[in-house]
Amino acid sequence: MLGGISLWQLAILLVIVVLLFGTKKLRNLGGDLGGAVKGFKKAMNEEPKEEEKKIESDADFAEVDKAAAKDQAKEESKTDK
């Protein structure tokens, strides 16, 4: 069967990989891979927070602009009298 990999084939492949690279190198490789995955997950979780802050700050500016427009309208009405 071409597509099926049996348990024995996986075991033989694992033995060959350990003999080629050694357990120390494989352990270091696993640690590096785990650190990379953690860093990726952390970056993915931080990105939406930055977008929320941007949206909140945009909303703050809109409120400030509305308040400034009201103040300006009041001053103009005072000067017109």
Protein backbone atom coordinates (compact mmCIF):
# COMPACT_ATOMS: atom_id res chain seq x y z
CA MET A 1 0.00 0.00 0.00
CA LEU A 2 1.54 3.33 -1.08
CA GLY A 3 -0.16 5.86 1.23
CA GLY A 4 -0.19 3.93 4.51
CA ILE A 5 2.63 4.16 7.04
CA SER A 6 2.62 1.43 9.65
CA LEU A 7 3.84 1.63 13.22
CA TRP A 8 6.97 -0.38 12.34
CA GLN A 9 7.92 2.03 9.57
CA LEU A 10 7.57 4.98 11.95
CA ALA A 11 9.71 3.21 14.56
CA ILE A 12 12.46 2.49 12.02
CA LEU A 13 12.35 6.09 10.82
CA LEU A 14 12.64 7.37 14.41
CA VAL A 15 15.68 5.14 15.07
CA ILE A 16 17.39 6.40 11.90
CA VAL A 17 16.73 10.05 12.80
CA VAL A 18 18.10 9.56 16.34
CA LEU A 19 21.21 7.84 14.97
CA LEU A 20 21.81 10.62 12.44
CA PHE A 21 21.26 13.66 14.64
CA GLY A 22 21.69 12.44 18.21
CA THR A 23 19.42 13.04 21.17
CA LYS A 24 21.06 16.31 22.26
CA LYS A 25 20.58 17.99 18.91
CA LEU A 26 16.97 16.75 18.69
CA ARG A 27 16.26 18.06 22.20
CA ASN A 28 17.65 21.49 21.29
CA LEU A 29 15.65 21.49 18.07
CA GLY A 30 12.45 20.68 19.98
CA GLY A 31 13.12 23.49 22.47
CA ASP A 32 13.73 25.99 19.69
CA LEU A 33 10.59 24.93 17.89
CA GLY A 34 8.53 25.23 21.09
CA GLY A 35 9.90 28.72 21.75
CA ALA A 36 9.06 29.80 18.22
CA VAL A 37 5.48 28.55 18.58
CA LYS A 38 5.07 30.38 21.92
CA GLY A 39 6.41 33.59 20.39
CA PHE A 40 4.05 33.27 17.45
CA LYS A 41 1.03 32.73 19.70
CA LYS A 42 2.01 35.71 21.87
CA ALA A 43 2.33 37.95 18.81
CA MET A 44 -1.05 36.80 17.50
CA ASN A 45 -2.70 37.58 20.85
CA GLU A 46 -1.12 41.05 21.10
CA GLU A 47 -2.15 42.22 17.63
CA PRO A 48 -5.91 42.57 18.32
CA LYS A 49 -5.18 44.60 21.46
CA GLU A 50 -3.32 47.19 19.39
CA GLU A 51 -6.27 47.44 16.98
CA GLU A 52 -8.69 47.95 19.90
CA LYS A 53 -6.50 50.73 21.29
CA LYS A 54 -6.45 52.41 17.88
CA ILE A 55 -10.23 52.26 17.60
CA GLU A 56 -10.64 53.63 21.13
CA SER A 57 -8.24 56.48 20.47
CA ASP A 58 -10.05 57.29 17.22
CA ALA A 59 -13.30 57.48 19.16
CA ASP A 60 -11.68 59.79 21.73
CA PHE A 61 -10.58 62.16 19.00
CA ALA A 62 -14.09 62.22 17.57
CA GLU A 63 -15.55 63.17 20.95
CA VAL A 64 -12.92 65.88 21.42
CA ASP A 65 -13.69 67.25 17.96
CA LYS A 66 -17.41 67.38 18.77
CA ALA A 67 -16.72 69.25 22.02
CA ALA A 68 -14.42 71.69 20.22
CA ALA A 69 -17.04 72.29 17.54
CA LYS A 70 -19.66 73.07 20.22
CA ASP A 71 -17.30 75.50 21.95
CA GLN A 72 -16.52 77.19 18.67
CA ALA A 73 -20.23 77.50 17.86
CA LYS A 74 -20.88 79.09 21.26
CA GLU A 75 -18.07 81.61 20.74
CA GLU A 76 -19.35 82.50 17.28
CA SER A 77 -22.86 83.03 18.61
CA LYS A 78 -21.50 85.33 21.35
CA THR A 79 -19.51 87.42 18.85
CA ASP A 80 -22.53 87.73 16.52
CA LYS A 81 -24.66 89.38 19.26
